[in-house]
Amino acid sequence: MNPMILLQFQGAWERFKNQHPKFPLFMKAVSNNALMENSVIEITVTTPEGKSFQSNLKLSADDLEMFEQLKQLLGK
């Protein structure tokens, strides 16, 4: 992994957290209480025009391992 891209991402993540302070708290609560095998994550994105895109996925053991690696990468 390119260390320069990682540094850029860390800066972008800090700006994101400042602009959306409730989101990291939500993610922390989810990761501490709801990320387990067979949990379902549902995502909806709504455009300014009102068009919605939806998807969901059921978490597998492999998914949980990837989330754990991501947490380590982000220093969480």
PDB file of N, CA and C in Angstrom:
ATOM      1  N   MET A   1       0.840  -1.168   0.000  1.00  0.00           N
ATOM      2  CA  MET A   1       0.000   0.000   0.000  1.00  0.00           C
ATOM      3  C   MET A   1       0.891   1.240   0.000  1.00  0.00           C
ATOM      4  N   ASN A   2       0.517   2.203  -0.802  1.00  0.00           N
ATOM      5  CA  ASN A   2       1.259   3.443  -0.925  1.00  0.00           C
ATOM      6  C   ASN A   2       1.074   4.288   0.339  1.00  0.00           C
ATOM      7  N   PRO A   3       2.147   4.557   1.099  1.00  0.00           N
ATOM      8  CA  PRO A   3       2.017   5.329   2.338  1.00  0.00           C
ATOM      9  C   PRO A   3       1.480   6.742   2.107  1.00  0.00           C
ATOM     10  N   MET A   4       1.772   7.328   0.955  1.00  0.00           N
ATOM     11  CA  MET A   4       1.284   8.678   0.660  1.00  0.00           C
ATOM     12  C   MET A   4      -0.241   8.685   0.547  1.00  0.00           C
ATOM     13  N   ILE A   5      -0.790   7.663  -0.091  1.00  0.00           N
ATOM     14  CA  ILE A   5      -2.244   7.568  -0.217  1.00  0.00           C
ATOM     15  C   ILE A   5      -2.867   7.360   1.158  1.00  0.00           C
ATOM     16  N   LEU A   6      -2.222   6.574   2.004  1.00  0.00           N
ATOM     17  CA  LEU A   6      -2.723   6.358   3.361  1.00  0.00           C
ATOM     18  C   LEU A   6      -2.753   7.670   4.142  1.00  0.00           C
ATOM     19  N   LEU A   7      -1.711   8.485   4.018  1.00  0.00           N
ATOM     20  CA  LEU A   7      -1.689   9.788   4.689  1.00  0.00           C
ATOM     21  C   LEU A   7      -2.793  10.698   4.164  1.00  0.00           C
ATOM     22  N   GLN A   8      -3.010  10.692   2.852  1.00  0.00           N
ATOM     23  CA  GLN A   8      -4.086  11.497   2.269  1.00  0.00           C
ATOM     24  C   GLN A   8      -5.438  11.023   2.781  1.00  0.00           C
ATOM     25  N   PHE A   9      -5.609   9.719   2.866  1.00  0.00           N
ATOM     26  CA  PHE A   9      -6.870   9.170   3.358  1.00  0.00           C
ATOM     27  C   PHE A   9      -7.110   9.582   4.803  1.00  0.00           C
ATOM     28  N   GLN A  10      -6.067   9.533   5.614  1.00  0.00           N
ATOM     29  CA  GLN A  10      -6.224   9.904   7.021  1.00  0.00           C
ATOM     30  C   GLN A  10      -6.690  11.350   7.152  1.00  0.00           C
ATOM     31  N   GLY A  11      -6.149  12.240   6.336  1.00  0.00           N
ATOM     32  CA  GLY A  11      -6.593  13.634   6.344  1.00  0.00           C
ATOM     33  C   GLY A  11      -8.036  13.765   5.890  1.00  0.00           C
ATOM     34  N   ALA A  12      -8.393  13.044   4.843  1.00  0.00           N
ATOM     35  CA  ALA A  12      -9.772  13.069   4.344  1.00  0.00           C
ATOM     36  C   ALA A  12     -10.729  12.513   5.388  1.00  0.00           C
ATOM     37  N   TRP A  13     -10.316  11.455   6.086  1.00  0.00           N
ATOM     38  CA  TRP A  13     -11.158  10.852   7.128  1.00  0.00           C
ATOM     39  C   TRP A  13     -11.384  11.846   8.263  1.00  0.00           C
ATOM     40  N   GLU A  14     -10.356  12.591   8.664  1.00  0.00           N
ATOM     41  CA  GLU A  14     -10.507  13.595   9.721  1.00  0.00           C
ATOM     42  C   GLU A  14     -11.500  14.680   9.304  1.00  0.00           C
ATOM     43  N   ARG A  15     -11.408  15.132   8.058  1.00  0.00           N
ATOM     44  CA  ARG A  15     -12.362  16.141   7.567  1.00  0.00           C
ATOM     45  C   ARG A  15     -13.774  15.576   7.550  1.00  0.00           C
ATOM     46  N   PHE A  16     -13.916  14.323   7.106  1.00  0.00           N
ATOM     47  CA  PHE A  16     -15.227  13.671   7.070  1.00  0.00           C
ATOM     48  C   PHE A  16     -15.821  13.606   8.473  1.00  0.00           C
ATOM     49  N   LYS A  17     -15.009  13.201   9.460  1.00  0.00           N
ATOM     50  CA  LYS A  17     -15.496  13.103  10.839  1.00  0.00           C
ATOM     51  C   LYS A  17     -15.931  14.469  11.370  1.00  0.00           C
ATOM     52  N   ASN A  18     -15.209  15.521  11.003  1.00  0.00           N
ATOM     53  CA  ASN A  18     -15.582  16.865  11.445  1.00  0.00           C
ATOM     54  C   ASN A  18     -16.888  17.327  10.809  1.00  0.00           C
ATOM     55  N   GLN A  19     -17.114  16.948   9.564  1.00  0.00           N
ATOM     56  CA  GLN A  19     -18.329  17.355   8.856  1.00  0.00           C
ATOM     57  C   GLN A  19     -19.535  16.509   9.237  1.00  0.00           C
ATOM     58  N   HIS A  20     -19.306  15.285   9.676  1.00  0.00           N
ATOM     59  CA  HIS A  20     -20.389  14.341   9.996  1.00  0.00           C
ATOM     60  C   HIS A  20     -20.103  13.687  11.349  1.00  0.00           C
ATOM     61  N   PRO A  21     -20.139  14.448  12.445  1.00  0.00           N
ATOM     62  CA  PRO A  21     -19.693  13.921  13.742  1.00  0.00           C
ATOM     63  C   PRO A  21     -20.519  12.758  14.284  1.00  0.00           C
ATOM     64  N   LYS A  22     -21.760  12.617  13.872  1.00  0.00           N
ATOM     65  CA  LYS A  22     -22.584  11.520  14.383  1.00  0.00           C
ATOM     66  C   LYS A  22     -22.246  10.183  13.722  1.00  0.00           C
ATOM     67  N   PHE A  23     -21.715  10.236  12.497  1.00  0.00           N
ATOM     68  CA  PHE A  23     -21.460   8.997  11.765  1.00  0.00           C
ATOM     69  C   PHE A  23     -20.412   8.110  12.438  1.00  0.00           C
ATOM     70  N   PRO A  24     -19.261   8.645  12.863  1.00  0.00           N
ATOM     71  CA  PRO A  24     -18.296   7.770  13.552  1.00  0.00           C
ATOM     72  C   PRO A  24     -18.860   7.172  14.837  1.00  0.00           C
ATOM     73  N   LEU A  25     -19.698   7.923  15.555  1.00  0.00           N
ATOM     74  CA  LEU A  25     -20.322   7.387  16.765  1.00  0.00           C
ATOM     75  C   LEU A  25     -21.252   6.232  16.420  1.00  0.00           C
ATOM     76  N   PHE A  26     -22.003   6.398  15.336  1.00  0.00           N
ATOM     77  CA  PHE A  26     -22.882   5.329  14.860  1.00  0.00           C
ATOM     78  C   PHE A  26     -22.064   4.096  14.494  1.00  0.00           C
ATOM     79  N   MET A  27     -20.981   4.297  13.736  1.00  0.00           N
ATOM     80  CA  MET A  27     -20.149   3.171  13.310  1.00  0.00           C
ATOM     81  C   MET A  27     -19.516   2.469  14.508  1.00  0.00           C
ATOM     82  N   LYS A  28     -19.118   3.227  15.524  1.00  0.00           N
ATOM     83  CA  LYS A  28     -18.540   2.616  16.724  1.00  0.00           C
ATOM     84  C   LYS A  28     -19.579   1.758  17.436  1.00  0.00           C
ATOM     85  N   ALA A  29     -20.805   2.280  17.568  1.00  0.00           N
ATOM     86  CA  ALA A  29     -21.872   1.510  18.221  1.00  0.00           C
ATOM     87  C   ALA A  29     -22.169   0.239  17.440  1.00  0.00           C
ATOM     88  N   VAL A  30     -22.212   0.353  16.118  1.00  0.00           N
ATOM     89  CA  VAL A  30     -22.477  -0.817  15.277  1.00  0.00           C
ATOM     90  C   VAL A  30     -21.347  -1.831  15.419  1.00  0.00           C
ATOM     91  N   SER A  31     -20.105  -1.364  15.341  1.00  0.00           N
ATOM     92  CA  SER A  31     -18.988  -2.314  15.390  1.00  0.00           C
ATOM     93  C   SER A  31     -18.884  -2.991  16.755  1.00  0.00           C
ATOM     94  N   ASN A  32     -19.299  -2.300  17.810  1.00  0.00           N
ATOM     95  CA  ASN A  32     -19.238  -2.894  19.147  1.00  0.00           C
ATOM     96  C   ASN A  32     -20.421  -3.804  19.456  1.00  0.00           C
ATOM     97  N   ASN A  33     -21.553  -3.598  18.794  1.00  0.00           N
ATOM     98  CA  ASN A  33     -22.777  -4.282  19.201  1.00  0.00           C
ATOM     99  C   ASN A  33     -23.500  -5.074  18.120  1.00  0.00           C
ATOM    100  N   ALA A  34     -23.184  -4.846  16.848  1.00  0.00           N
ATOM    101  CA  ALA A  34     -24.023  -5.450  15.819  1.00  0.00           C
ATOM    102  C   ALA A  34     -23.274  -6.189  14.718  1.00  0.00           C
ATOM    103  N   LEU A  35     -21.974  -6.010  14.616  1.00  0.00           N
ATOM    104  CA  LEU A  35     -21.246  -6.694  13.551  1.00  0.00           C
ATOM    105  C   LEU A  35     -20.926  -8.112  13.990  1.00  0.00           C
ATOM    106  N   MET A  36     -21.785  -9.013  13.544  1.00  0.00           N
ATOM    107  CA  MET A  36     -21.584 -10.430  13.825  1.00  0.00           C
ATOM    108  C   MET A  36     -22.050 -11.214  12.610  1.00  0.00           C
ATOM    109  N   GLU A  37     -21.597 -12.426  12.530  1.00  0.00           N
ATOM    110  CA  GLU A  37     -21.959 -13.270  11.396  1.00  0.00           C
ATOM    111  C   GLU A  37     -23.471 -13.351  11.270  1.00  0.00           C
ATOM    112  N   ASN A  38     -23.959 -13.219  10.042  1.00  0.00           N
ATOM    113  CA  ASN A  38     -25.371 -13.257   9.652  1.00  0.00           C
ATOM    114  C   ASN A  38     -26.130 -11.973   9.953  1.00  0.00           C
ATOM    115  N   SER A  39     -25.470 -10.941  10.503  1.00  0.00           N
ATOM    116  CA  SER A  39     -26.114  -9.629  10.585  1.00  0.00           C
ATOM    117  C   SER A  39     -26.295  -9.117   9.158  1.00  0.00           C
ATOM    118  N   VAL A  40     -27.325  -8.306   8.949  1.00  0.00           N
ATOM    119  CA  VAL A  40     -27.606  -7.749   7.629  1.00  0.00           C
ATOM    120  C   VAL A  40     -27.347  -6.249   7.660  1.00  0.00           C
ATOM    121  N   ILE A  41     -26.560  -5.781   6.702  1.00  0.00           N
ATOM    122  CA  ILE A  41     -26.328  -4.349   6.521  1.00  0.00           C
ATOM    123  C   ILE A  41     -27.168  -3.911   5.329  1.00  0.00           C
ATOM    124  N   GLU A  42     -27.995  -2.894   5.535  1.00  0.00           N
ATOM    125  CA  GLU A  42     -28.811  -2.335   4.466  1.00  0.00           C
ATOM    126  C   GLU A  42     -28.374  -0.897   4.229  1.00  0.00           C
ATOM    127  N   ILE A  43     -28.243  -0.532   2.962  1.00  0.00           N
ATOM    128  CA  ILE A  43     -27.780   0.802   2.599  1.00  0.00           C
ATOM    129  C   ILE A  43     -28.765   1.403   1.604  1.00  0.00           C
ATOM    130  N   THR A  44     -29.141   2.654   1.840  1.00  0.00           N
ATOM    131  CA  THR A  44     -29.971   3.412   0.910  1.00  0.00           C
ATOM    132  C   THR A  44     -29.274   4.731   0.624  1.00  0.00           C
ATOM    133  N   VAL A  45     -29.143   5.068  -0.652  1.00  0.00           N
ATOM    134  CA  VAL A  45     -28.608   6.360  -1.069  1.00  0.00           C
ATOM    135  C   VAL A  45     -29.707   7.054  -1.853  1.00  0.00           C
ATOM    136  N   THR A  46     -30.032   8.288  -1.451  1.00  0.00           N
ATOM    137  CA  THR A  46     -31.069   9.067  -2.118  1.00  0.00           C
ATOM    138  C   THR A  46     -30.425  10.301  -2.732  1.00  0.00           C
ATOM    139  N   THR A  47     -30.628  10.479  -4.037  1.00  0.00           N
ATOM    140  CA  THR A  47     -30.068  11.632  -4.734  1.00  0.00           C
ATOM    141  C   THR A  47     -30.865  12.886  -4.379  1.00  0.00           C
ATOM    142  N   PRO A  48     -30.316  14.067  -4.664  1.00  0.00           N
ATOM    143  CA  PRO A  48     -31.080  15.298  -4.421  1.00  0.00           C
ATOM    144  C   PRO A  48     -32.408  15.328  -5.189  1.00  0.00           C
ATOM    145  N   GLU A  49     -32.484  14.594  -6.288  1.00  0.00           N
ATOM    146  CA  GLU A  49     -33.718  14.538  -7.072  1.00  0.00           C
ATOM    147  C   GLU A  49     -34.725  13.548  -6.499  1.00  0.00           C
ATOM    148  N   GLY A  50     -34.333  12.795  -5.484  1.00  0.00           N
ATOM    149  CA  GLY A  50     -35.240  11.851  -4.840  1.00  0.00           C
ATOM    150  C   GLY A  50     -35.136  10.415  -5.327  1.00  0.00           C
ATOM    151  N   LYS A  51     -34.225  10.128  -6.238  1.00  0.00           N
ATOM    152  CA  LYS A  51     -34.046   8.758  -6.716  1.00  0.00           C
ATOM    153  C   LYS A  51     -33.278   7.962  -5.665  1.00  0.00           C
ATOM    154  N   SER A  52     -33.764   6.757  -5.358  1.00  0.00           N
ATOM    155  CA  SER A  52     -33.140   5.932  -4.319  1.00  0.00           C
ATOM    156  C   SER A  52     -32.463   4.703  -4.909  1.00  0.00           C
ATOM    157  N   PHE A  53     -31.338   4.368  -4.326  1.00  0.00           N
ATOM    158  CA  PHE A  53     -30.610   3.146  -4.642  1.00  0.00           C
ATOM    159  C   PHE A  53     -30.460   2.392  -3.332  1.00  0.00           C
ATOM    160  N   GLN A  54     -30.791   1.107  -3.344  1.00  0.00           N
ATOM    161  CA  GLN A  54     -30.751   0.310  -2.123  1.00  0.00           C
ATOM    162  C   GLN A  54     -30.026  -1.005  -2.371  1.00  0.00           C
ATOM    163  N   SER A  55     -29.365  -1.464  -1.323  1.00  0.00           N
ATOM    164  CA  SER A  55     -28.713  -2.769  -1.371  1.00  0.00           C
ATOM    165  C   SER A  55     -28.592  -3.290   0.053  1.00  0.00           C
ATOM    166  N   ASN A  56     -28.344  -4.586   0.176  1.00  0.00           N
ATOM    167  CA  ASN A  56     -28.097  -5.162   1.492  1.00  0.00           C
ATOM    168  C   ASN A  56     -27.150  -6.337   1.336  1.00  0.00           C
ATOM    169  N   LEU A  57     -26.538  -6.705   2.445  1.00  0.00           N
ATOM    170  CA  LEU A  57     -25.669  -7.876   2.445  1.00  0.00           C
ATOM    171  C   LEU A  57     -25.700  -8.518   3.818  1.00  0.00           C
ATOM    172  N   LYS A  58     -25.558  -9.825   3.819  1.00  0.00           N
ATOM    173  CA  LYS A  58     -25.480 -10.584   5.066  1.00  0.00           C
ATOM    174  C   LYS A  58     -24.002 -10.846   5.345  1.00  0.00           C
ATOM    175  N   LEU A  59     -23.565 -10.490   6.540  1.00  0.00           N
ATOM    176  CA  LEU A  59     -22.152 -10.609   6.885  1.00  0.00           C
ATOM    177  C   LEU A  59     -21.723 -12.056   7.082  1.00  0.00           C
ATOM    178  N   SER A  60     -20.577 -12.372   6.499  1.00  0.00           N
ATOM    179  CA  SER A  60     -19.967 -13.690   6.665  1.00  0.00           C
ATOM    180  C   SER A  60     -18.755 -13.558   7.586  1.00  0.00           C
ATOM    181  N   ALA A  61     -18.185 -14.672   7.958  1.00  0.00           N
ATOM    182  CA  ALA A  61     -16.971 -14.667   8.779  1.00  0.00           C
ATOM    183  C   ALA A  61     -15.837 -13.949   8.045  1.00  0.00           C
ATOM    184  N   ASP A  62     -15.733 -14.139   6.726  1.00  0.00           N
ATOM    185  CA  ASP A  62     -14.710 -13.448   5.935  1.00  0.00           C
ATOM    186  C   ASP A  62     -14.906 -11.937   5.983  1.00  0.00           C
ATOM    187  N   ASP A  63     -16.162 -11.490   5.915  1.00  0.00           N
ATOM    188  CA  ASP A  63     -16.455 -10.054   5.987  1.00  0.00           C
ATOM    189  C   ASP A  63     -15.983  -9.480   7.318  1.00  0.00           C
ATOM    190  N   LEU A  64     -16.264 -10.204   8.395  1.00  0.00           N
ATOM    191  CA  LEU A  64     -15.874  -9.739   9.723  1.00  0.00           C
ATOM    192  C   LEU A  64     -14.359  -9.645   9.853  1.00  0.00           C
ATOM    193  N   GLU A  65     -13.652 -10.590   9.250  1.00  0.00           N
ATOM    194  CA  GLU A  65     -12.190 -10.557   9.264  1.00  0.00           C
ATOM    195  C   GLU A  65     -11.679  -9.322   8.521  1.00  0.00           C
ATOM    196  N   MET A  66     -12.297  -9.003   7.383  1.00  0.00           N
ATOM    197  CA  MET A  66     -11.908  -7.826   6.614  1.00  0.00           C
ATOM    198  C   MET A  66     -12.175  -6.553   7.413  1.00  0.00           C
ATOM    199  N   PHE A  67     -13.320  -6.469   8.115  1.00  0.00           N
ATOM    200  CA  PHE A  67     -13.622  -5.298   8.942  1.00  0.00           C
ATOM    201  C   PHE A  67     -12.593  -5.151  10.059  1.00  0.00           C
ATOM    202  N   GLU A  68     -12.176  -6.254  10.636  1.00  0.00           N
ATOM    203  CA  GLU A  68     -11.165  -6.208  11.699  1.00  0.00           C
ATOM    204  C   GLU A  68      -9.843  -5.685  11.151  1.00  0.00           C
ATOM    205  N   GLN A  69      -9.468  -6.119   9.955  1.00  0.00           N
ATOM    206  CA  GLN A  69      -8.243  -5.631   9.326  1.00  0.00           C
ATOM    207  C   GLN A  69      -8.347  -4.139   9.027  1.00  0.00           C
ATOM    208  N   LEU A  70      -9.518  -3.686   8.595  1.00  0.00           N
ATOM    209  CA  LEU A  70      -9.730  -2.266   8.318  1.00  0.00           C
ATOM    210  C   LEU A  70      -9.603  -1.445   9.599  1.00  0.00           C
ATOM    211  N   LYS A  71     -10.162  -1.950  10.693  1.00  0.00           N
ATOM    212  CA  LYS A  71     -10.039  -1.255  11.976  1.00  0.00           C
ATOM    213  C   LYS A  71      -8.573  -1.128  12.381  1.00  0.00           C
ATOM    214  N   GLN A  72      -7.789  -2.179  12.172  1.00  0.00           N
ATOM    215  CA  GLN A  72      -6.368  -2.138  12.505  1.00  0.00           C
ATOM    216  C   GLN A  72      -5.635  -1.136  11.616  1.00  0.00           C
ATOM    217  N   LEU A  73      -6.001  -1.110  10.340  1.00  0.00           N
ATOM    218  CA  LEU A  73      -5.386  -0.180   9.399  1.00  0.00           C
ATOM    219  C   LEU A  73      -5.653   1.261   9.812  1.00  0.00           C
ATOM    220  N   LEU A  74      -6.867   1.526  10.296  1.00  0.00           N
ATOM    221  CA  LEU A  74      -7.242   2.882  10.704  1.00  0.00           C
ATOM    222  C   LEU A  74      -6.820   3.194  12.131  1.00  0.00           C
ATOM    223  N   GLY A  75      -6.205   2.213  12.788  1.00  0.00           N
ATOM    224  CA  GLY A  75      -5.738   2.438  14.149  1.00  0.00           C
ATOM    225  C   GLY A  75      -6.845   2.493  15.171  1.00  0.00           C
ATOM    226  N   LYS A  76      -7.873   1.714  14.961  1.00  0.00           N
ATOM    227  CA  LYS A  76      -9.032   1.724  15.876  1.00  0.00           C
ATOM    228  C   LYS A  76      -9.013   0.507  16.757  1.00  0.00           C
TER     229      LYS A  76
END
